[in-house]
Protein backbone atom coordinates (compact mmCIF):
# COMPACT_ATOMS: atom_id res chain seq x y z
CA MET A 1 -22.45 -1.44 -51.79
CA ARG A 2 -23.66 -0.44 -55.25
CA PRO A 3 -22.30 2.85 -56.69
CA GLU A 4 -25.88 4.19 -56.83
CA GLN A 5 -26.13 3.93 -53.05
CA LEU A 6 -22.88 5.79 -52.41
CA TYR A 7 -22.47 8.26 -55.25
CA PHE A 8 -26.02 9.56 -55.68
CA ARG A 9 -28.48 11.23 -53.37
CA VAL A 10 -32.03 10.01 -54.04
CA LEU A 11 -34.90 11.68 -52.17
CA PRO A 12 -37.26 10.40 -51.07
CA ARG A 13 -36.42 6.70 -50.93
CA VAL A 14 -39.74 5.75 -49.32
CA VAL A 15 -42.95 7.17 -50.80
CA PRO A 16 -46.70 6.83 -50.19
CA ALA A 17 -48.30 4.14 -52.34
CA ASP A 18 -50.74 5.18 -55.07
CA GLU A 19 -49.82 8.85 -54.88
CA VAL A 20 -47.87 11.02 -57.31
CA THR A 21 -44.52 11.85 -55.75
CA GLU A 22 -41.61 13.92 -57.01
CA VAL A 23 -38.25 12.15 -56.83
CA VAL A 24 -34.92 13.98 -57.02
CA ILE A 25 -31.68 12.24 -58.03
CA GLU A 26 -28.44 14.14 -57.47
CA PRO A 27 -24.94 12.88 -58.29
CA ILE A 28 -22.43 13.53 -55.49
CA TYR A 29 -18.67 13.11 -55.02
CA GLY A 30 -18.08 13.72 -58.73
CA TYR A 31 -18.97 10.16 -59.72
CA TYR A 32 -21.13 11.26 -62.65
CA GLN A 33 -20.95 14.56 -64.50
CA ILE A 34 -24.40 15.69 -65.65
CA LYS A 35 -24.69 16.92 -69.22
CA GLU A 36 -26.87 19.96 -68.64
CA ASP A 37 -27.86 20.38 -72.30
CA GLU A 38 -28.76 16.72 -72.78
CA MET A 39 -32.10 14.98 -72.35
CA TYR A 40 -32.35 11.86 -70.20
CA GLU A 41 -34.80 8.97 -69.99
CA VAL A 42 -36.40 7.71 -66.81
CA GLY A 43 -38.11 4.33 -66.77
CA ILE A 44 -39.68 2.84 -63.63
CA VAL A 45 -40.18 -0.89 -63.18
CA PRO A 46 -42.35 -2.09 -60.29
CA MET A 47 -40.77 -5.22 -58.83
CA GLU A 48 -44.06 -7.02 -58.16
CA HIS A 49 -47.38 -5.48 -59.16
CA ARG A 50 -46.79 -4.00 -62.56
CA SER A 51 -49.73 -1.63 -62.64
CA SER A 52 -52.96 -0.70 -60.91
CA GLN A 53 -54.49 -1.36 -64.34
CA PRO A 54 -54.85 -4.90 -65.81
CA GLU A 55 -51.53 -6.75 -65.62
CA TYR A 56 -49.11 -6.28 -68.48
CA TYR A 57 -46.28 -8.60 -69.39
CA ILE A 58 -42.55 -7.89 -69.14
CA PRO A 59 -40.51 -10.60 -70.83
CA SER A 60 -37.90 -12.43 -68.76
CA THR A 61 -35.00 -10.50 -70.19
CA PHE A 62 -31.95 -8.52 -69.21
CA ASP A 63 -32.41 -6.26 -72.22
CA LEU A 64 -33.13 -2.80 -70.82
CA ASP A 65 -34.53 -1.50 -74.13
CA THR A 66 -37.20 -4.21 -74.08
CA ILE A 67 -38.09 -3.58 -70.44
CA LEU A 68 -38.37 0.19 -70.86
CA LYS A 69 -40.44 -0.20 -74.03
CA VAL A 70 -43.04 -2.09 -71.98
CA VAL A 71 -43.13 0.23 -68.94
CA GLY A 72 -42.62 3.47 -70.88
CA VAL A 73 -40.22 6.31 -70.18
CA GLN A 74 -40.25 9.96 -69.25
CA THR A 75 -37.85 12.32 -70.98
CA ILE A 76 -36.43 14.91 -68.61
CA LYS A 77 -33.78 17.60 -68.62
CA PRO A 78 -31.54 18.09 -65.57
CA ILE A 79 -31.86 21.36 -63.69
CA LYS A 80 -29.04 22.77 -61.56
CA GLY A 81 -27.24 19.45 -61.22
CA LYS A 82 -30.31 17.40 -60.32
CA PHE A 83 -32.76 15.10 -62.06
CA ARG A 84 -36.41 15.65 -61.11
CA PHE A 85 -39.47 13.69 -62.14
CA SER A 86 -42.89 12.80 -60.76
CA TYR A 87 -44.51 9.40 -60.81
CA LEU A 88 -47.43 7.50 -59.30
CA PHE A 89 -45.83 4.59 -57.44
CA ALA A 90 -48.56 1.97 -57.46
CA ASP A 91 -49.22 -0.50 -54.65
CA GLU A 92 -46.89 -1.43 -51.80
CA GLN A 93 -43.62 -2.62 -53.29
CA GLU A 94 -40.09 -1.76 -54.38
CA HIS A 95 -39.56 0.03 -57.70
CA ILE A 96 -36.43 0.14 -59.86
CA ILE A 97 -35.72 3.53 -61.43
CA TYR A 98 -33.57 3.34 -64.55
CA LEU A 99 -31.95 6.64 -65.56
CA ARG A 100 -30.00 6.81 -68.82
CA GLU A 101 -28.70 9.21 -71.43
CA THR A 102 -30.60 9.54 -74.71
CA SER A 103 -27.64 10.24 -76.99
CA GLY A 104 -25.01 7.91 -78.35
CA ASP A 105 -25.12 4.42 -76.87
CA LYS A 106 -27.63 5.54 -74.24
CA LYS A 107 -25.28 5.12 -71.31
CA LEU A 108 -27.01 3.98 -68.10
CA VAL A 109 -26.50 6.57 -65.36
CA GLY A 110 -27.78 4.23 -62.68
CA ALA A 111 -30.47 1.90 -61.37
CA PHE A 112 -32.05 3.33 -58.24
CA THR A 113 -34.70 1.93 -55.90
CA VAL A 114 -37.70 3.44 -54.16
CA TYR A 115 -40.23 1.69 -51.91
CA SER A 116 -43.89 2.67 -51.85
CA LEU A 117 -45.84 1.98 -48.64
CA LYS A 118 -49.44 2.00 -47.57
CA ALA A 119 -50.38 4.71 -45.09
CA ASP A 120 -50.09 2.63 -41.90
CA LEU A 121 -46.48 1.66 -42.59
CA PHE A 122 -45.46 4.90 -44.32
CA SER A 123 -46.27 6.84 -41.14
CA ARG A 124 -43.72 4.79 -39.17
CA THR A 125 -39.92 4.89 -38.89
CA PRO A 126 -37.65 1.82 -38.92
CA LEU A 127 -35.74 1.66 -35.63
CA LYS A 128 -33.12 -0.89 -34.61
CA GLY A 129 -32.87 -2.33 -31.12
CA ASP A 130 -31.70 -5.18 -28.90
CA MET A 131 -33.78 -6.21 -25.87
CA HIS A 132 -31.75 -9.06 -24.39
CA MET A 133 -28.09 -8.73 -23.36
CA HIS A 134 -25.91 -8.98 -20.28
CA SER A 135 -23.26 -7.04 -18.37
CA HIS A 136 -20.66 -8.03 -15.81
CA ARG A 137 -23.30 -7.52 -13.13
CA SER A 138 -24.43 -11.05 -14.01
CA ASP A 139 -22.43 -13.31 -16.34
CA GLY A 140 -21.40 -10.76 -18.98
CA ARG A 141 -18.08 -9.07 -19.54
CA ASP A 142 -18.69 -5.31 -19.69
CA HIS A 143 -19.96 -2.53 -17.46
CA PRO A 144 -23.67 -1.67 -18.05
CA ALA A 145 -22.84 1.79 -19.39
CA PHE A 146 -20.21 0.33 -21.75
CA VAL A 147 -22.87 -2.01 -23.16
CA ALA A 148 -25.22 0.91 -23.82
CA ALA A 149 -22.56 3.01 -25.59
CA SER A 150 -21.50 -0.01 -27.65
CA CYS A 151 -25.10 -0.50 -28.76
CA ARG A 152 -25.15 3.00 -30.21
CA LYS A 153 -21.79 2.39 -31.87
CA ILE A 154 -23.26 -0.47 -33.93
CA GLY A 155 -26.32 1.52 -35.04
CA LEU A 156 -29.01 0.69 -32.48
CA ASP A 157 -31.71 3.23 -31.67
CA PHE A 158 -32.90 1.56 -28.46
CA MET A 159 -31.69 -1.15 -26.08
CA ALA A 160 -32.30 -2.76 -22.72
CA LEU A 161 -29.82 -4.48 -20.47
CA THR A 162 -31.37 -7.69 -19.12
CA ASP A 163 -29.00 -9.28 -16.66
CA HIS A 164 -29.92 -12.62 -15.16
CA GLY A 165 -32.18 -12.05 -12.17
CA GLN A 166 -31.13 -8.41 -11.89
CA TYR A 167 -32.99 -5.20 -12.71
CA GLN A 168 -30.62 -2.66 -11.16
CA PRO A 169 -27.91 -2.89 -13.88
CA SER A 170 -30.37 -1.55 -16.46
CA ILE A 171 -30.94 1.48 -14.23
CA GLU A 172 -27.18 1.83 -13.90
CA ALA A 173 -26.91 1.98 -17.71
CA GLN A 174 -29.51 4.75 -17.81
CA GLU A 175 -27.98 6.78 -15.01
CA ALA A 176 -24.51 6.73 -16.59
CA PHE A 177 -25.65 9.25 -19.21
CA ASN A 178 -27.56 12.49 -19.38
CA LEU A 179 -30.39 11.08 -21.46
CA ASP A 180 -31.25 14.54 -22.81
CA ASP A 181 -27.90 14.66 -24.62
CA ILE A 182 -28.11 11.35 -26.45
CA ASP A 183 -30.55 9.82 -28.94
CA LEU A 184 -30.09 6.21 -27.87
CA LYS A 185 -33.10 5.09 -25.85
CA ILE A 186 -31.84 3.09 -22.87
CA TYR A 187 -34.68 1.10 -21.34
CA ARG A 188 -34.91 -0.94 -18.18
CA GLY A 189 -35.06 -4.69 -18.19
CA GLU A 190 -34.10 -8.01 -16.65
CA GLU A 191 -34.07 -11.71 -17.46
CA ILE A 192 -36.49 -13.43 -15.12
CA HIS A 193 -35.84 -16.83 -13.59
CA ALA A 194 -38.88 -17.62 -11.48
CA PRO A 195 -38.48 -20.36 -8.84
CA ASP A 196 -39.20 -23.90 -10.05
CA ASN A 197 -39.79 -22.56 -13.57
CA PRO A 198 -37.38 -23.46 -16.43
CA VAL A 199 -38.73 -20.84 -18.86
CA HIS A 200 -36.51 -17.80 -19.39
CA ILE A 201 -38.53 -14.60 -19.76
CA VAL A 202 -37.32 -11.07 -20.50
CA ASN A 203 -38.96 -8.07 -18.91
CA PHE A 204 -38.41 -5.32 -21.49
CA GLY A 205 -39.17 -1.83 -20.26
CA GLY A 206 -41.05 -2.70 -17.07
CA SER A 207 -41.08 0.00 -14.39
CA PHE A 208 -40.18 -2.41 -11.59
CA SER A 209 -38.31 -5.67 -11.07
CA VAL A 210 -40.32 -8.86 -11.33
CA ASN A 211 -37.41 -10.91 -9.95
CA ASP A 212 -37.71 -8.97 -6.70
CA LEU A 213 -41.33 -10.09 -6.32
CA PHE A 214 -40.37 -13.67 -5.49
CA ARG A 215 -37.30 -13.04 -3.34
CA GLY A 216 -36.97 -13.05 0.44
CA ASP A 217 -40.19 -12.19 2.20
CA ASN A 218 -42.00 -12.00 -1.16
CA PHE A 219 -41.53 -15.69 -1.94
CA GLN A 220 -44.58 -16.94 -0.07
CA GLN A 221 -46.79 -14.34 -1.77
CA TYR A 222 -45.41 -15.45 -5.13
CA GLN A 223 -46.23 -19.07 -4.34
CA LYS A 224 -49.72 -18.16 -3.16
CA GLU A 225 -50.51 -16.19 -6.34
CA VAL A 226 -49.12 -18.91 -8.62
CA VAL A 227 -51.22 -21.54 -6.86
CA GLU A 228 -54.30 -19.33 -7.30
CA ILE A 229 -53.60 -19.10 -11.05
CA GLN A 230 -53.05 -22.84 -11.15
CA ALA A 231 -56.42 -23.46 -9.50
CA LYS A 232 -58.22 -21.39 -12.13
CA GLN A 233 -56.56 -22.90 -15.19
CA GLY A 234 -58.22 -26.28 -14.93
CA LYS A 235 -56.76 -29.49 -16.30
CA LEU A 236 -53.83 -28.98 -18.65
CA PRO A 237 -52.67 -31.26 -21.48
CA HIS A 238 -50.71 -34.33 -20.51
CA GLY A 239 -47.07 -33.57 -19.76
CA VAL A 240 -47.55 -29.86 -18.98
CA ASN A 241 -46.41 -29.05 -15.46
CA PRO A 242 -49.33 -27.00 -14.03
CA TYR A 243 -47.21 -25.07 -11.55
CA GLN A 244 -44.59 -24.12 -14.15
CA TYR A 245 -47.22 -22.92 -16.59
CA ALA A 246 -49.00 -20.93 -13.87
CA SER A 247 -45.66 -19.38 -12.93
CA CYS A 248 -45.16 -18.26 -16.55
CA VAL A 249 -48.61 -16.66 -16.60
CA TRP A 250 -47.80 -14.91 -13.30
CA VAL A 251 -44.52 -13.53 -14.70
CA PHE A 252 -46.06 -12.25 -17.93
CA ASN A 253 -48.91 -10.63 -15.99
CA LYS A 254 -46.49 -8.86 -13.65
CA ILE A 255 -44.45 -7.54 -16.59
CA ARG A 256 -47.59 -6.06 -18.13
CA GLN A 257 -48.54 -4.53 -14.79
CA ALA A 258 -45.13 -2.82 -14.87
CA GLY A 259 -45.86 -1.42 -18.33
CA GLY A 260 -43.30 -3.68 -19.94
CA MET A 261 -43.31 -6.35 -22.63
CA GLY A 262 -42.83 -10.01 -21.76
CA ILE A 263 -40.61 -11.92 -24.18
CA PHE A 264 -40.68 -15.72 -24.39
CA CYS A 265 -36.99 -16.56 -24.77
CA HIS A 266 -35.09 -19.25 -26.70
CA PRO A 267 -37.44 -22.25 -26.34
CA TYR A 268 -35.01 -24.45 -28.29
CA TRP A 269 -32.00 -23.78 -26.11
CA LEU A 270 -30.11 -27.07 -26.00
CA ILE A 271 -28.63 -28.08 -22.63
CA PRO A 272 -27.20 -31.49 -21.59
CA SER A 273 -30.64 -32.73 -20.56
CA GLY A 274 -32.25 -31.70 -23.87
CA PHE A 275 -34.19 -28.65 -24.96
CA SER A 276 -35.13 -26.21 -22.23
CA PRO A 277 -37.97 -25.79 -21.45
CA ALA A 278 -39.52 -29.23 -21.98
CA GLY A 279 -41.49 -29.68 -25.20
CA ARG A 280 -44.96 -30.08 -23.66
CA LEU A 281 -44.67 -26.80 -21.79
CA THR A 282 -43.37 -25.06 -24.91
CA ASP A 283 -46.28 -26.47 -26.92
CA TYR A 284 -48.80 -25.12 -24.44
CA LEU A 285 -47.18 -21.69 -24.28
CA PHE A 286 -47.53 -21.44 -28.06
CA GLU A 287 -51.12 -22.67 -27.87
CA THR A 288 -52.25 -20.21 -25.19
CA GLN A 289 -49.81 -17.33 -25.89
CA PRO A 290 -49.54 -15.67 -22.46
CA TYR A 291 -46.41 -13.86 -23.70
CA ASP A 292 -46.27 -10.54 -25.57
CA ALA A 293 -43.48 -11.36 -28.03
CA TYR A 294 -41.52 -14.40 -29.15
CA GLU A 295 -37.73 -14.48 -29.42
CA ILE A 296 -37.67 -16.03 -32.90
CA ILE A 297 -33.89 -15.71 -33.25
CA GLY A 298 -31.35 -15.01 -30.56
CA GLY A 299 -27.98 -15.47 -29.03
CA TYR A 300 -26.72 -18.71 -30.45
CA TYR A 301 -23.18 -19.22 -31.67
CA LYS A 302 -22.49 -20.46 -35.19
CA ASP A 303 -22.28 -24.08 -34.05
CA GLN A 304 -25.73 -23.74 -32.47
CA VAL A 305 -27.59 -22.74 -35.61
CA ASP A 306 -30.03 -25.63 -35.20
CA SER A 307 -31.69 -23.85 -32.27
CA ASN A 308 -32.45 -20.72 -34.27
CA THR A 309 -33.57 -22.84 -37.21
CA LEU A 310 -36.04 -24.68 -34.99
CA GLN A 311 -37.34 -21.43 -33.49
CA VAL A 312 -37.99 -20.01 -36.96
CA ALA A 313 -39.62 -23.24 -38.13
CA ARG A 314 -41.84 -23.28 -35.05
CA TYR A 315 -42.94 -19.71 -35.77
CA HIS A 316 -44.02 -20.61 -39.30
CA GLU A 317 -45.84 -23.72 -38.08
CA GLU A 318 -47.76 -21.71 -35.50
CA ARG A 319 -48.57 -19.05 -38.09
CA ALA A 320 -49.93 -21.78 -40.36
CA LYS A 321 -52.33 -22.65 -37.53
CA GLY A 322 -53.70 -19.11 -37.72
CA ARG A 323 -51.85 -17.64 -34.75
CA THR A 324 -50.54 -14.08 -34.70
CA ILE A 325 -47.11 -14.04 -33.07
CA PRO A 326 -45.18 -10.79 -32.48
CA VAL A 327 -41.46 -11.39 -33.01
CA VAL A 328 -38.15 -9.98 -31.84
CA GLY A 329 -34.52 -10.78 -32.56
CA VAL A 330 -31.95 -10.37 -29.78
CA SER A 331 -28.23 -10.91 -29.35
CA ASP A 332 -28.29 -12.31 -25.79
CA ALA A 333 -24.70 -11.04 -25.89
CA HIS A 334 -22.40 -11.41 -22.91
CA GLY A 335 -19.67 -9.14 -24.24
CA CYS A 336 -19.47 -6.29 -26.75
CA GLU A 337 -15.89 -6.81 -27.95
CA THR A 338 -15.67 -10.60 -27.99
CA GLY A 339 -16.47 -10.92 -31.69
CA ASN A 340 -19.44 -13.16 -30.91
CA LEU A 341 -23.19 -12.52 -30.70
CA PHE A 342 -23.12 -8.75 -30.16
CA GLY A 343 -24.68 -7.18 -33.25
CA TRP A 344 -25.38 -10.56 -34.85
CA TYR A 345 -29.08 -10.43 -34.01
CA TYR A 346 -31.41 -7.48 -33.47
CA THR A 347 -34.94 -6.21 -34.06
CA ILE A 348 -36.23 -3.64 -36.52
CA VAL A 349 -39.41 -2.05 -35.22
CA PHE A 350 -41.52 0.11 -37.51
CA SER A 351 -42.78 2.58 -34.96
CA PRO A 352 -44.15 6.13 -34.72
CA SER A 353 -41.26 6.93 -32.37
CA ALA A 354 -38.58 5.36 -30.21
CA GLU A 355 -40.58 5.96 -27.03
CA LEU A 356 -41.20 2.83 -24.97
CA GLU A 357 -44.96 2.72 -25.39
CA ASP A 358 -44.69 3.11 -29.16
CA ILE A 359 -42.01 0.41 -29.40
CA ILE A 360 -44.02 -2.09 -27.36
CA THR A 361 -47.32 -1.36 -29.09
CA SER A 362 -45.72 -1.60 -32.54
CA ILE A 363 -44.17 -4.99 -31.77
CA LYS A 364 -47.44 -6.33 -30.35
CA ASP A 365 -49.27 -5.06 -33.44
CA GLY A 366 -46.89 -6.96 -35.73
CA TYR A 367 -44.72 -4.09 -36.97
CA SER A 368 -41.36 -5.75 -36.37
CA VAL A 369 -38.85 -8.15 -37.89
CA ALA A 370 -36.01 -10.11 -36.34
CA VAL A 371 -32.69 -9.70 -38.13
CA GLU A 372 -29.71 -12.03 -38.35
CA ALA A 373 -26.64 -10.10 -39.52
CA MET A 374 -23.43 -12.04 -39.01
CA ALA A 375 -20.24 -10.49 -40.38
CA GLY A 376 -19.49 -11.50 -43.95
CA GLU A 377 -22.99 -12.87 -44.56
CA SER A 378 -26.05 -11.35 -46.16
CA PRO A 379 -28.60 -10.20 -43.56
CA ARG A 380 -31.69 -12.33 -43.09
CA ALA A 381 -34.99 -11.14 -41.69
CA TYR A 382 -37.79 -13.11 -40.04
CA GLY A 383 -41.41 -12.25 -39.45
CA THR A 384 -44.48 -11.67 -41.58
CA PHE A 385 -43.91 -11.44 -45.33
CA ARG A 386 -44.89 -7.78 -45.52
CA MET A 387 -42.54 -6.72 -42.72
CA VAL A 388 -39.69 -8.89 -44.00
CA LYS A 389 -39.95 -7.38 -47.49
CA PHE A 390 -39.72 -3.81 -46.26
CA GLY A 391 -37.24 -4.78 -43.55
CA LEU A 392 -34.78 -6.13 -46.10
CA PHE A 393 -35.12 -2.93 -48.13
CA ALA A 394 -34.51 -0.86 -44.99
CA ILE A 395 -31.36 -2.83 -44.17
CA ARG A 396 -30.03 -2.49 -47.70
CA GLU A 397 -31.08 1.06 -48.55
CA LEU A 398 -31.99 3.18 -45.51
CA PHE A 399 -29.45 2.75 -42.72
CA TYR A 400 -26.10 3.64 -44.29
CA GLN A 401 -25.86 7.27 -43.16
CA HIS A 402 -27.79 6.52 -39.97
CA ASP A 403 -25.27 3.88 -38.91
CA LEU A 404 -22.28 6.14 -39.59
CA LEU A 405 -23.79 8.84 -37.37
CA CYS A 406 -24.65 6.29 -34.68
CA LYS A 407 -21.06 5.11 -34.67
CA GLU A 408 -19.87 8.69 -34.10
CA GLU A 409 -22.30 9.09 -31.22
CA GLY A 410 -21.39 5.71 -29.72
CA LEU A 411 -17.70 6.56 -29.76
CA LEU A 412 -18.46 9.87 -28.06
CA MET A 413 -20.50 8.04 -25.42
CA LEU A 414 -17.50 5.81 -24.74
CA ASP A 415 -15.28 8.90 -24.60
CA TYR A 416 -17.71 10.44 -22.10
CA LEU A 417 -17.48 7.33 -19.91
CA ALA A 418 -13.68 7.54 -20.09
CA GLY A 419 -13.76 11.14 -18.83
CA GLY A 420 -13.41 12.99 -22.14
CA LYS A 421 -13.65 16.71 -21.40
CA ASP A 422 -15.49 17.76 -24.56
CA ALA A 423 -17.65 14.64 -24.96
CA THR A 424 -20.84 16.17 -23.53
CA HIS A 425 -20.59 19.20 -25.81
CA LYS A 426 -19.89 17.03 -28.83
CA LEU A 427 -22.77 14.67 -27.98
CA ALA A 428 -25.17 17.59 -27.85
CA LYS A 429 -24.14 18.52 -31.41
CA GLN A 430 -24.97 14.99 -32.58
CA LYS A 431 -28.51 15.22 -31.23
CA GLY A 432 -31.13 14.20 -33.79
CA ARG A 433 -28.75 13.64 -36.70
CA ALA A 434 -29.07 9.86 -37.05
CA LEU A 435 -32.86 9.84 -36.81
CA ASN A 436 -33.14 12.72 -39.25
CA ALA A 437 -30.95 10.84 -41.72
CA VAL A 438 -33.71 8.21 -41.89
CA GLN A 439 -36.62 10.65 -41.72
CA THR A 440 -35.22 12.57 -44.68
CA LEU A 441 -35.42 9.39 -46.76
CA PHE A 442 -39.18 9.39 -46.14
CA GLY A 443 -39.41 12.98 -47.32
CA ARG A 444 -40.00 14.24 -43.79
CA LYS A 445 -38.53 17.47 -42.55
CA ALA A 446 -35.71 17.30 -40.03
CA GLU A 447 -36.90 17.77 -36.46
């Protein structure tokens, strides 16, 4: 972490594009002592589009004097321990703010960053979530409620437990907590394994179980409805199993009827017989897109990186064909304390709120990125260029305080599950703090 991120408070960090905005920089923790009687220089360098006027040239140089001579500087005087200045941040991009002394050798106080956004993205908040993971109710390791609390501990704003063939564990995770006392949004979900269908599909947020619709006495109705879909779809490309494809369409339709989002999971999962599902079926699912979102990266171990690489490559190939593909990243974790998968992959959704409808609509509308964040490695983001650019900035610059507060809340949630007497009271005091830490960076008032 750069000293500027830790030892200075910069507000706001995200600003509306093409509007004049006041920025305040305040040293904290005694890292830098302001010289109240001195004048300081502020120079702002847009990282991409240099100006809304005709382009001007900045030489490829590390010489700050040369750079600031081109972009120009403001001379300001600190007031009550803070630096204040106003600037029109042009276009949608990141800006570097250089602040330095004017006397002596012109010591650099710091290089700070601000991101300017167009109105549609500026009105949204970056939220982190995981929509595919398992508990010990299927083949995972931990209790459903333990999974939920652990999600908050690693900085997630929303999650869904999606056990294999089981919907009830996600309800169990919800019911373990008084949802009015916590900020983590715990949504319902399941991983769906329809009969005679190799495609794994996640029901995120649906109000009922789709797995239950083909079990027991419901099986014959499932078969009947799939055959009806099959009859309407006509002749499919060679190698595509008509019944399997019709079953996928049936599943995705049922998820939408439940108000959920259907996720097409890990199409390049390698099993002893090859990739699952078979390539022809995968090809046709990409061609027709009956799903709501695509699991572009997910729960593969480090020796399985080829599968994620292929899923990312397939996304870019389909995009090159002109297709719009909403993306998510998920851990598919089977244990929260194993040191594998959990927290390695997640989704950032740029959404008006963390409510289910807003999350689903935002993902479908393309306001999401999938994130790969293995320990000891730089985070990587996948999605459209615009969302990836801002997503990387959000990871680097916006979540530090948020994640610390989430960790506090997650630990209190675990304490609550363990019978801690004061946990409920302490959780109530945490309410809203993590979200407000991010909202403040957009210049929004705390709720």
